[in-house]
C-alpha atoms as a PDB file:
ATOM      1  CA  MET A   1     123.698  93.350 185.665  1.00  0.00           C
ATOM      2  CA  ASP A   2     122.733  91.163 188.630  1.00  0.00           C
ATOM      3  CA  LEU A   3     123.728  90.816 192.292  1.00  0.00           C
ATOM      4  CA  LYS A   4     126.015  87.866 191.573  1.00  0.00           C
ATOM      5  CA  GLN A   5     128.059  89.923 189.106  1.00  0.00           C
ATOM      6  CA  LEU A   6     128.372  92.719 191.657  1.00  0.00           C
ATOM      7  CA  GLU A   7     129.499  90.285 194.368  1.00  0.00           C
ATOM      8  CA  CYS A   8     132.159  88.896 192.011  1.00  0.00           C
ATOM      9  CA  PHE A   9     133.349  92.394 191.132  1.00  0.00           C
ATOM     10  CA  ILE A  10     133.592  93.428 194.795  1.00  0.00           C
ATOM     11  CA  ALA A  11     135.611  90.302 195.636  1.00  0.00           C
ATOM     12  CA  VAL A  12     138.155  91.037 192.872  1.00  0.00           C
ATOM     13  CA  ALA A  13     138.272  94.735 193.776  1.00  0.00           C
ATOM     14  CA  GLU A  14     138.921  94.013 197.457  1.00  0.00           C
ATOM     15  CA  GLU A  15     141.378  91.164 196.939  1.00  0.00           C
ATOM     16  CA  ARG A  16     143.183  92.891 194.030  1.00  0.00           C
ATOM     17  CA  HIS A  17     143.806  89.381 192.725  1.00  0.00           C
ATOM     18  CA  PHE A  18     141.672  86.978 190.651  1.00  0.00           C
ATOM     19  CA  THR A  19     142.987  83.778 192.263  1.00  0.00           C
ATOM     20  CA  ARG A  20     142.329  84.966 195.835  1.00  0.00           C
ATOM     21  CA  ALA A  21     138.926  86.326 194.824  1.00  0.00           C
ATOM     22  CA  ALA A  22     137.974  82.984 193.266  1.00  0.00           C
ATOM     23  CA  GLN A  23     139.035  81.161 196.446  1.00  0.00           C
ATOM     24  CA  ARG A  24     136.989  83.581 198.530  1.00  0.00           C
ATOM     25  CA  LEU A  25     133.919  82.996 196.351  1.00  0.00           C
ATOM     26  CA  ASN A  26     134.468  79.232 196.126  1.00  0.00           C
ATOM     27  CA  ILE A  27     134.286  79.333 192.328  1.00  0.00           C
ATOM     28  CA  VAL A  28     136.759  78.515 189.555  1.00  0.00           C
ATOM     29  CA  GLN A  29     138.931  81.379 188.353  1.00  0.00           C
ATOM     30  CA  SER A  30     137.860  81.000 184.719  1.00  0.00           C
ATOM     31  CA  GLY A  31     134.212  81.436 185.718  1.00  0.00           C
ATOM     32  CA  LEU A  32     135.055  84.529 187.746  1.00  0.00           C
ATOM     33  CA  SER A  33     137.022  86.051 184.850  1.00  0.00           C
ATOM     34  CA  GLN A  34     134.116  85.416 182.483  1.00  0.00           C
ATOM     35  CA  THR A  35     131.659  87.061 184.873  1.00  0.00           C
ATOM     36  CA  ILE A  36     133.833  90.185 185.126  1.00  0.00           C
ATOM     37  CA  ARG A  37     134.251  90.348 181.332  1.00  0.00           C
ATOM     38  CA  MET A  38     130.468  90.114 180.871  1.00  0.00           C
ATOM     39  CA  LEU A  39     129.974  92.899 183.406  1.00  0.00           C
ATOM     40  CA  GLU A  40     132.527  95.101 181.621  1.00  0.00           C
ATOM     41  CA  ASP A  41     130.849  94.415 178.271  1.00  0.00           C
ATOM     42  CA  GLU A  42     127.460  95.317 179.716  1.00  0.00           C
ATOM     43  CA  LEU A  43     128.747  98.568 181.251  1.00  0.00           C
ATOM     44  CA  GLY A  44     130.661  99.538 178.129  1.00  0.00           C
ATOM     45  CA  GLY A  45     134.249  99.638 179.299  1.00  0.00           C
ATOM     46  CA  PRO A  46     137.016  98.224 181.499  1.00  0.00           C
ATOM     47  CA  LEU A  47     136.567  98.195 185.261  1.00  0.00           C
ATOM     48  CA  LEU A  48     139.904  96.632 186.136  1.00  0.00           C
ATOM     49  CA  VAL A  49     143.536  97.036 185.119  1.00  0.00           C
ATOM     50  CA  ARG A  50     145.049  93.567 185.052  1.00  0.00           C
ATOM     51  CA  SER A  51     148.732  92.726 185.506  1.00  0.00           C
ATOM     52  CA  THR A  52     150.658  89.544 186.281  1.00  0.00           C
ATOM     53  CA  ARG A  53     150.929  90.387 190.004  1.00  0.00           C
ATOM     54  CA  ARG A  54     147.762  92.286 190.936  1.00  0.00           C
ATOM     55  CA  VAL A  55     144.575  93.941 189.775  1.00  0.00           C
ATOM     56  CA  ASP A  56     143.778  97.648 190.097  1.00  0.00           C
ATOM     57  CA  LEU A  57     140.564  99.594 189.571  1.00  0.00           C
ATOM     58  CA  THR A  58     139.962 101.953 186.671  1.00  0.00           C
ATOM     59  CA  PRO A  59     138.152 105.221 187.495  1.00  0.00           C
ATOM     60  CA  ALA A  60     134.932 103.541 186.354  1.00  0.00           C
ATOM     61  CA  GLY A  61     135.714 100.578 188.608  1.00  0.00           C
ATOM     62  CA  GLN A  62     136.191 102.871 191.604  1.00  0.00           C
ATOM     63  CA  VAL A  63     132.750 104.377 191.019  1.00  0.00           C
ATOM     64  CA  LEU A  64     131.154 100.955 190.584  1.00  0.00           C
ATOM     65  CA  LEU A  65     132.755  99.583 193.774  1.00  0.00           C
ATOM     66  CA  LYS A  66     131.044 102.220 195.907  1.00  0.00           C
ATOM     67  CA  GLU A  67     127.677 101.758 194.194  1.00  0.00           C
ATOM     68  CA  ALA A  68     127.886  97.951 194.191  1.00  0.00           C
ATOM     69  CA  ALA A  69     128.484  97.890 197.954  1.00  0.00           C
ATOM     70  CA  ARG A  70     125.441 100.139 198.442  1.00  0.00           C
ATOM     71  CA  VAL A  71     123.226  97.951 196.209  1.00  0.00           C
ATOM     72  CA  LEU A  72     124.248  94.710 197.921  1.00  0.00           C
ATOM     73  CA  ALA A  73     123.694  96.220 201.374  1.00  0.00           C
ATOM     74  CA  ALA A  74     120.210  97.328 200.312  1.00  0.00           C
ATOM     75  CA  ALA A  75     119.419  93.839 198.973  1.00  0.00           C
ATOM     76  CA  ARG A  76     120.481  92.227 202.255  1.00  0.00           C
ATOM     77  CA  GLU A  77     118.408  94.690 204.262  1.00  0.00           C
ATOM     78  CA  ALA A  78     115.417  93.870 202.069  1.00  0.00           C
ATOM     79  CA  ARG A  79     115.834  90.139 202.722  1.00  0.00           C
ATOM     80  CA  LEU A  80     116.111  90.788 206.448  1.00  0.00           C
ATOM     81  CA  ALA A  81     112.994  92.962 206.406  1.00  0.00           C
ATOM     82  CA  VAL A  82     111.001  90.178 204.770  1.00  0.00           C
ATOM     83  CA  THR A  83     112.352  87.695 207.294  1.00  0.00           C
ATOM     84  CA  GLN A  84     111.117  89.909 210.106  1.00  0.00           C
ATOM     85  CA  VAL A  85     107.676  90.115 208.532  1.00  0.00           C
ATOM     86  CA  HIS A  86     107.527  86.328 208.339  1.00  0.00           C
ATOM     87  CA  GLY A  87     108.678  86.328 211.943  1.00  0.00           C
ATOM     88  CA  LEU A  88     111.385  84.702 214.000  1.00  0.00           C
ATOM     89  CA  ALA A  89     109.599  84.952 217.325  1.00  0.00           C
ATOM     90  CA  ARG A  90     111.170  81.894 218.923  1.00  0.00           C
ATOM     91  CA  GLY A  91     114.138  79.613 218.384  1.00  0.00           C
ATOM     92  CA  GLN A  92     117.800  79.253 219.197  1.00  0.00           C
ATOM     93  CA  LEU A  93     121.133  80.152 217.649  1.00  0.00           C
ATOM     94  CA  ARG A  94     124.138  78.095 218.757  1.00  0.00           C
ATOM     95  CA  ILE A  95     127.412  79.649 217.585  1.00  0.00           C
ATOM     96  CA  GLY A  96     130.975  78.477 218.007  1.00  0.00           C
ATOM     97  CA  SER A  97     134.104  80.495 217.370  1.00  0.00           C
ATOM     98  CA  ILE A  98     137.853  80.405 217.606  1.00  0.00           C
ATOM     99  CA  GLN A  99     139.324  83.261 219.618  1.00  0.00           C
ATOM    100  CA  SER A 100     140.491  86.576 218.173  1.00  0.00           C
ATOM    101  CA  LEU A 101     138.193  87.009 215.176  1.00  0.00           C
ATOM    102  CA  ALA A 102     138.890  90.745 215.140  1.00  0.00           C
ATOM    103  CA  PRO A 103     139.546  92.549 212.859  1.00  0.00           C
ATOM    104  CA  PHE A 104     137.720  90.186 210.506  1.00  0.00           C
ATOM    105  CA  VAL A 105     134.434  89.879 212.422  1.00  0.00           C
ATOM    106  CA  ASP A 106     133.220  91.789 215.488  1.00  0.00           C
ATOM    107  CA  LEU A 107     131.236  88.894 216.911  1.00  0.00           C
ATOM    108  CA  PRO A 108     130.003  90.540 220.158  1.00  0.00           C
ATOM    109  CA  VAL A 109     128.609  93.520 218.228  1.00  0.00           C
ATOM    110  CA  SER A 110     127.003  91.225 215.638  1.00  0.00           C
ATOM    111  CA  LEU A 111     125.370  89.090 218.339  1.00  0.00           C
ATOM    112  CA  GLY A 112     124.105  92.222 220.078  1.00  0.00           C
ATOM    113  CA  ARG A 113     122.491  93.489 216.898  1.00  0.00           C
ATOM    114  CA  PHE A 114     120.898  90.119 216.276  1.00  0.00           C
ATOM    115  CA  ARG A 115     119.472  90.010 219.804  1.00  0.00           C
ATOM    116  CA  ASP A 116     118.061  93.525 219.402  1.00  0.00           C
ATOM    117  CA  ARG A 117     116.300  92.564 216.201  1.00  0.00           C
ATOM    118  CA  PHE A 118     115.166  89.091 217.283  1.00  0.00           C
ATOM    119  CA  PRO A 119     114.799  89.165 221.087  1.00  0.00           C
ATOM    120  CA  GLY A 120     112.872  85.899 221.124  1.00  0.00           C
ATOM    121  CA  ILE A 121     115.867  83.890 219.856  1.00  0.00           C
ATOM    122  CA  ASN A 122     118.007  82.228 222.517  1.00  0.00           C
ATOM    123  CA  VAL A 123     121.669  82.830 221.616  1.00  0.00           C
ATOM    124  CA  GLN A 124     124.479  80.571 222.854  1.00  0.00           C
ATOM    125  CA  LEU A 125     128.219  80.993 222.198  1.00  0.00           C
ATOM    126  CA  LEU A 126     131.105  78.550 222.602  1.00  0.00           C
ATOM    127  CA  LEU A 127     134.786  79.459 222.199  1.00  0.00           C
ATOM    128  CA  ASP A 128     137.018  76.502 221.371  1.00  0.00           C
ATOM    129  CA  GLY A 129     139.717  75.161 219.054  1.00  0.00           C
ATOM    130  CA  ALA A 130     139.189  74.841 215.313  1.00  0.00           C
ATOM    131  CA  ALA A 131     138.990  71.039 215.153  1.00  0.00           C
ATOM    132  CA  SER A 132     136.610  70.778 218.111  1.00  0.00           C
ATOM    133  CA  LEU A 133     134.266  73.367 216.625  1.00  0.00           C
ATOM    134  CA  LEU A 134     133.942  71.485 213.351  1.00  0.00           C
ATOM    135  CA  ASP A 135     133.136  68.331 215.317  1.00  0.00           C
ATOM    136  CA  GLU A 136     130.381  70.220 217.154  1.00  0.00           C
ATOM    137  CA  VAL A 137     128.765  71.256 213.859  1.00  0.00           C
ATOM    138  CA  ASN A 138     129.182  67.784 212.372  1.00  0.00           C
ATOM    139  CA  GLU A 139     127.384  66.301 215.362  1.00  0.00           C
ATOM    140  CA  GLY A 140     124.598  68.880 215.352  1.00  0.00           C
ATOM    141  CA  ARG A 141     125.433  70.603 218.653  1.00  0.00           C
ATOM    142  CA  LEU A 142     126.231  73.959 217.012  1.00  0.00           C
ATOM    143  CA  ASP A 143     124.401  75.714 214.160  1.00  0.00           C
ATOM    144  CA  LEU A 144     127.421  77.505 212.740  1.00  0.00           C
ATOM    145  CA  VAL A 145     131.037  78.160 213.674  1.00  0.00           C
ATOM    146  CA  PHE A 146     133.708  80.711 212.804  1.00  0.00           C
ATOM    147  CA  THR A 147     136.867  78.684 212.466  1.00  0.00           C
ATOM    148  CA  GLN A 148     139.674  77.591 210.189  1.00  0.00           C
ATOM    149  CA  PRO A 149     139.421  74.933 207.468  1.00  0.00           C
ATOM    150  CA  GLY A 150     139.539  71.320 208.584  1.00  0.00           C
ATOM    151  CA  ASP A 151     137.629  68.052 208.227  1.00  0.00           C
ATOM    152  CA  ILE A 152     134.268  68.950 206.722  1.00  0.00           C
ATOM    153  CA  GLY A 153     131.585  66.310 207.265  1.00  0.00           C
ATOM    154  CA  ALA A 154     128.878  65.184 204.870  1.00  0.00           C
ATOM    155  CA  GLY A 155     126.008  67.637 204.650  1.00  0.00           C
ATOM    156  CA  MET A 156     128.139  70.570 205.780  1.00  0.00           C
ATOM    157  CA  GLY A 157     128.720  73.801 203.920  1.00  0.00           C
ATOM    158  CA  THR A 158     131.338  76.501 204.346  1.00  0.00           C
ATOM    159  CA  ARG A 159     131.998  80.049 203.289  1.00  0.00           C
ATOM    160  CA  MET A 160     135.375  81.751 203.339  1.00  0.00           C
ATOM    161  CA  LEU A 161     135.404  85.007 205.289  1.00  0.00           C
ATOM    162  CA  ALA A 162     139.072  85.909 204.934  1.00  0.00           C
ATOM    163  CA  CYS A 163     142.287  84.739 203.298  1.00  0.00           C
ATOM    164  CA  GLU A 164     145.212  86.549 204.866  1.00  0.00           C
ATOM    165  CA  ASP A 165     148.936  86.632 204.189  1.00  0.00           C
ATOM    166  CA  ILE A 166     151.123  85.726 207.171  1.00  0.00           C
ATOM    167  CA  VAL A 167     153.660  88.304 208.380  1.00  0.00           C
ATOM    168  CA  VAL A 168     156.443  88.340 210.950  1.00  0.00           C
ATOM    169  CA  VAL A 169     155.950  90.480 214.061  1.00  0.00           C
ATOM    170  CA  CYS A 170     158.874  91.446 216.271  1.00  0.00           C
ATOM    171  CA  SER A 171     160.072  94.020 218.769  1.00  0.00           C
ATOM    172  CA  LEU A 172     161.047  97.399 217.328  1.00  0.00           C
ATOM    173  CA  HIS A 173     164.547  96.718 218.701  1.00  0.00           C
ATOM    174  CA  HIS A 174     164.868  93.392 216.884  1.00  0.00           C
ATOM    175  CA  PRO A 175     167.249  93.315 213.876  1.00  0.00           C
ATOM    176  CA  LEU A 176     164.367  92.171 211.687  1.00  0.00           C
ATOM    177  CA  ALA A 177     162.370  95.326 212.409  1.00  0.00           C
ATOM    178  CA  ASP A 178     164.236  97.238 209.673  1.00  0.00           C
ATOM    179  CA  ALA A 179     164.077  94.436 207.092  1.00  0.00           C
ATOM    180  CA  ALA A 180     162.087  94.921 203.891  1.00  0.00           C
ATOM    181  CA  ALA A 181     161.189  91.211 203.911  1.00  0.00           C
ATOM    182  CA  THR A 182     162.415  87.861 205.143  1.00  0.00           C
ATOM    183  CA  SER A 183     161.823  84.164 204.512  1.00  0.00           C
ATOM    184  CA  MET A 184     160.684  81.330 206.736  1.00  0.00           C
ATOM    185  CA  LEU A 185     164.075  79.628 206.430  1.00  0.00           C
ATOM    186  CA  ASP A 186     165.788  82.822 207.606  1.00  0.00           C
ATOM    187  CA  LEU A 187     163.748  82.619 210.822  1.00  0.00           C
ATOM    188  CA  LEU A 188     164.991  79.230 211.992  1.00  0.00           C
ATOM    189  CA  ASP A 189     167.544  80.690 214.416  1.00  0.00           C
ATOM    190  CA  GLU A 190     164.923  82.888 216.063  1.00  0.00           C
ATOM    191  CA  THR A 191     163.005  82.231 219.263  1.00  0.00           C
ATOM    192  CA  PHE A 192     159.268  81.975 218.610  1.00  0.00           C
ATOM    193  CA  VAL A 193     156.200  82.954 220.561  1.00  0.00           C
ATOM    194  CA  ASP A 194     153.440  80.585 219.460  1.00  0.00           C
ATOM    195  CA  LEU A 195     149.832  79.786 220.117  1.00  0.00           C
ATOM    196  CA  LYS A 196     149.112  76.384 221.651  1.00  0.00           C
ATOM    197  CA  SER A 197     149.385  73.335 219.438  1.00  0.00           C
ATOM    198  CA  ASP A 198     145.617  72.798 219.110  1.00  0.00           C
ATOM    199  CA  TRP A 199     145.080  76.221 217.497  1.00  0.00           C
ATOM    200  CA  GLY A 200     144.516  76.226 213.749  1.00  0.00           C
ATOM    201  CA  MET A 201     147.065  79.006 213.306  1.00  0.00           C
ATOM    202  CA  ARG A 202     149.752  76.940 215.070  1.00  0.00           C
ATOM    203  CA  ARG A 203     148.981  73.867 212.990  1.00  0.00           C
ATOM    204  CA  LEU A 204     149.177  75.955 209.816  1.00  0.00           C
ATOM    205  CA  LEU A 205     152.639  77.236 210.714  1.00  0.00           C
ATOM    206  CA  ASP A 206     153.871  73.840 211.854  1.00  0.00           C
ATOM    207  CA  ARG A 207     152.829  72.382 208.497  1.00  0.00           C
ATOM    208  CA  GLY A 208     154.564  75.214 206.667  1.00  0.00           C
ATOM    209  CA  PHE A 209     157.889  74.670 208.429  1.00  0.00           C
ATOM    210  CA  SER A 210     157.529  70.897 208.102  1.00  0.00           C
ATOM    211  CA  THR A 211     157.112  71.289 204.331  1.00  0.00           C
ATOM    212  CA  LEU A 212     160.445  73.107 204.328  1.00  0.00           C
ATOM    213  CA  GLY A 213     162.009  70.249 206.300  1.00  0.00           C
ATOM    214  CA  ALA A 214     162.837  72.730 209.054  1.00  0.00           C
ATOM    215  CA  ALA A 215     162.345  72.934 212.812  1.00  0.00           C
ATOM    216  CA  ARG A 216     162.107  76.043 214.978  1.00  0.00           C
ATOM    217  CA  THR A 217     162.419  76.876 218.652  1.00  0.00           C
ATOM    218  CA  THR A 218     159.223  77.792 220.506  1.00  0.00           C
ATOM    219  CA  ALA A 219     159.982  79.269 223.920  1.00  0.00           C
ATOM    220  CA  PHE A 220     156.524  80.646 224.748  1.00  0.00           C
ATOM    221  CA  GLU A 221     153.149  78.973 224.179  1.00  0.00           C
ATOM    222  CA  VAL A 222     150.060  81.062 224.891  1.00  0.00           C
ATOM    223  CA  ASN A 223     146.330  80.723 224.453  1.00  0.00           C
ATOM    224  CA  ASP A 224     145.424  84.179 223.145  1.00  0.00           C
ATOM    225  CA  VAL A 225     146.735  86.490 220.455  1.00  0.00           C
ATOM    226  CA  SER A 226     146.882  89.576 222.679  1.00  0.00           C
ATOM    227  CA  THR A 227     149.365  87.951 225.068  1.00  0.00           C
ATOM    228  CA  LEU A 228     151.382  86.638 222.118  1.00  0.00           C
ATOM    229  CA  LEU A 229     151.749  90.174 220.727  1.00  0.00           C
ATOM    230  CA  ASP A 230     152.611  91.571 224.172  1.00  0.00           C
ATOM    231  CA  LEU A 231     155.450  89.062 224.540  1.00  0.00           C
ATOM    232  CA  VAL A 232     156.712  89.913 221.062  1.00  0.00           C
ATOM    233  CA  ALA A 233     156.624  93.644 221.806  1.00  0.00           C
ATOM    234  CA  GLU A 234     158.812  93.047 224.866  1.00  0.00           C
ATOM    235  CA  GLY A 235     161.456  91.344 222.725  1.00  0.00           C
ATOM    236  CA  LEU A 236     160.932  87.835 224.111  1.00  0.00           C
ATOM    237  CA  GLY A 237     160.569  86.309 220.658  1.00  0.00           C
ATOM    238  CA  ILE A 238     159.084  86.743 217.213  1.00  0.00           C
ATOM    239  CA  ALA A 239     155.779  85.418 215.919  1.00  0.00           C
ATOM    240  CA  LEU A 240     153.918  84.804 212.678  1.00  0.00           C
ATOM    241  CA  VAL A 241     150.370  86.154 212.509  1.00  0.00           C
ATOM    242  CA  PRO A 242     147.795  87.195 209.877  1.00  0.00           C
ATOM    243  CA  GLU A 243     148.599  90.613 208.447  1.00  0.00           C
ATOM    244  CA  SER A 244     145.323  92.251 209.516  1.00  0.00           C
ATOM    245  CA  ILE A 245     145.909  91.258 213.133  1.00  0.00           C
ATOM    246  CA  ALA A 246     149.421  92.711 213.000  1.00  0.00           C
ATOM    247  CA  ARG A 247     148.193  95.958 211.409  1.00  0.00           C
ATOM    248  CA  ALA A 248     145.386  96.304 213.945  1.00  0.00           C
ATOM    249  CA  ARG A 249     147.901  95.970 216.790  1.00  0.00           C
ATOM    250  CA  ALA A 250     150.200  98.537 215.164  1.00  0.00           C
ATOM    251  CA  ARG A 251     147.308 101.042 215.042  1.00  0.00           C
ATOM    252  CA  ASP A 252     146.479 100.546 218.730  1.00  0.00           C
ATOM    253  CA  LEU A 253     148.149 103.519 220.429  1.00  0.00           C
ATOM    254  CA  ARG A 254     147.510 101.998 223.868  1.00  0.00           C
ATOM    255  CA  ALA A 255     149.603  98.909 223.138  1.00  0.00           C
ATOM    256  CA  SER A 256     153.375  98.510 222.985  1.00  0.00           C
ATOM    257  CA  PRO A 257     154.509  98.968 219.356  1.00  0.00           C
ATOM    258  CA  ILE A 258     155.703  96.096 217.175  1.00  0.00           C
ATOM    259  CA  GLY A 259     157.582  95.711 213.910  1.00  0.00           C
ATOM    260  CA  ILE A 260     155.907  94.038 210.922  1.00  0.00           C
ATOM    261  CA  VAL A 261     157.946  92.256 208.244  1.00  0.00           C
ATOM    262  CA  PRO A 262     156.456  90.581 205.114  1.00  0.00           C
ATOM    263  CA  LEU A 263     157.456  87.056 204.142  1.00  0.00           C
ATOM    264  CA  SER A 264     159.101  86.695 200.745  1.00  0.00           C
ATOM    265  CA  ASP A 265     158.444  82.947 200.344  1.00  0.00           C
ATOM    266  CA  ALA A 266     156.701  82.049 197.089  1.00  0.00           C
ATOM    267  CA  ALA A 267     154.402  79.655 198.982  1.00  0.00           C
ATOM    268  CA  THR A 268     153.732  81.680 202.137  1.00  0.00           C
ATOM    269  CA  PRO A 269     151.017  79.990 204.233  1.00  0.00           C
ATOM    270  CA  CYS A 270     147.611  81.641 203.894  1.00  0.00           C
ATOM    271  CA  TRP A 271     145.561  82.040 207.064  1.00  0.00           C
ATOM    272  CA  GLU A 272     141.929  81.336 206.250  1.00  0.00           C
ATOM    273  CA  LEU A 273     138.809  82.064 208.268  1.00  0.00           C
ATOM    274  CA  ILE A 274     135.608  80.262 207.332  1.00  0.00           C
ATOM    275  CA  VAL A 275     132.091  79.956 208.635  1.00  0.00           C
ATOM    276  CA  ALA A 276     130.869  76.334 208.649  1.00  0.00           C
ATOM    277  CA  PHE A 277     127.332  75.049 209.040  1.00  0.00           C
ATOM    278  CA  LYS A 278     124.922  72.278 208.159  1.00  0.00           C
ATOM    279  CA  GLY A 279     123.683  73.185 204.711  1.00  0.00           C
ATOM    280  CA  HIS A 280     124.283  73.201 200.982  1.00  0.00           C
ATOM    281  CA  ASN A 281     124.853  75.641 198.092  1.00  0.00           C
ATOM    282  CA  GLY A 282     126.642  78.007 200.433  1.00  0.00           C
ATOM    283  CA  GLN A 283     123.617  78.471 202.699  1.00  0.00           C
ATOM    284  CA  PRO A 284     122.798  77.125 206.182  1.00  0.00           C
ATOM    285  CA  THR A 285     119.802  74.832 206.344  1.00  0.00           C
ATOM    286  CA  ASP A 286     118.802  76.376 209.672  1.00  0.00           C
ATOM    287  CA  ARG A 287     116.713  79.498 209.098  1.00  0.00           C
ATOM    288  CA  VAL A 288     117.928  81.279 212.230  1.00  0.00           C
ATOM    289  CA  ALA A 289     121.581  80.687 211.337  1.00  0.00           C
ATOM    290  CA  LYS A 290     121.003  81.987 207.801  1.00  0.00           C
ATOM    291  CA  THR A 291     119.309  85.118 209.147  1.00  0.00           C
ATOM    292  CA  PHE A 292     122.233  85.782 211.480  1.00  0.00           C
ATOM    293  CA  LEU A 293     124.714  85.548 208.594  1.00  0.00           C
ATOM    294  CA  ASP A 294     122.604  87.911 206.492  1.00  0.00           C
ATOM    295  CA  LEU A 295     122.562  90.418 209.341  1.00  0.00           C
ATOM    296  CA  LEU A 296     126.326  90.024 209.854  1.00  0.00           C
ATOM    297  CA  VAL A 297     126.975  90.946 206.236  1.00  0.00           C
ATOM    298  CA  SER A 298     124.437  93.756 206.105  1.00  0.00           C
ATOM    299  CA  LYS A 299     125.833  95.565 209.151  1.00  0.00           C
ATOM    300  CA  ASN A 300     129.549  94.905 208.713  1.00  0.00           C
ATOM    301  CA  GLY A 301     129.690  95.632 204.996  1.00  0.00           C
ATOM    302  CA  ALA A 302     133.148  95.623 203.456  1.00  0.00           C
ATOM    303  CA  SER A 303     134.826  94.927 206.806  1.00  0.00           C
ATOM    304  CA  VAL A 304     133.758  91.300 206.490  1.00  0.00           C
ATOM    305  CA  GLN A 305     134.930  89.391 203.424  1.00  0.00           C
ATOM    306  CA  TYR A 306     131.779  87.421 202.810  1.00  0.00           C
ATOM    307  CA  PRO A 307     131.218  85.654 199.483  1.00  0.00           C
ATOM    308  CA  ASN A 308     128.297  83.762 198.034  1.00  0.00           C
END
């Protein structure tokens, strides 16, 4: 049993789906399935209950999930400890990010921890649109960026941090609020609250409706997710957002409540968050950037979907 097998197992256990886990790990599904089978053979029994729609954990799998997370966290801490011994006394870390990474990544907390551990590193942060951020990495002005997939230049590497289903959010007084599910075509008569057109999320949705040959009415365009959800809560329109963002808002007792409705479309758009950098084999070339990613994973644990 090795760390790679444990990382594959955790991805399947968290995603509850082999296809999504393979996408998250950037490997082919057949290779992932073979790795899990080898791990089950080595441990002497099934770890997963497979069905056509999802994957569940056996009792043995539930035990292994907890232990695997502990082992991987210890391995990352060991790598970080060695890095500190070798020393990162000076240098710089230039990070770019789209807005509203939460609940996927708590970037301010992660940067604070990095600064505490490596006070000699000069940290810079730029918030911008997805396309612009990838250009900045391509041209060497940023070391790594948290963004959505786009044009990846030669010599660049990426890792997927999250692959989220899109859900409808609406006012609790909206007729949709009581629906078990709806489809994108059923939303065409609705008024939408959208992010601005240069946001990756907006482009994703525009492509999805365009594929259906449909057009929608956008009455409100905003530049942050919090305002978008506030407008929705007041009944000024509906919106489509990643499920984790919708659930996080629903748990916030200080905010106006919203309704959350799943999409029933067979090809519902998937909102993806990646980290992009100059590098290869899934690793940044820049040592400081690699150390920051290792620290991000070590401290955030299962809250960050972070594959090899």
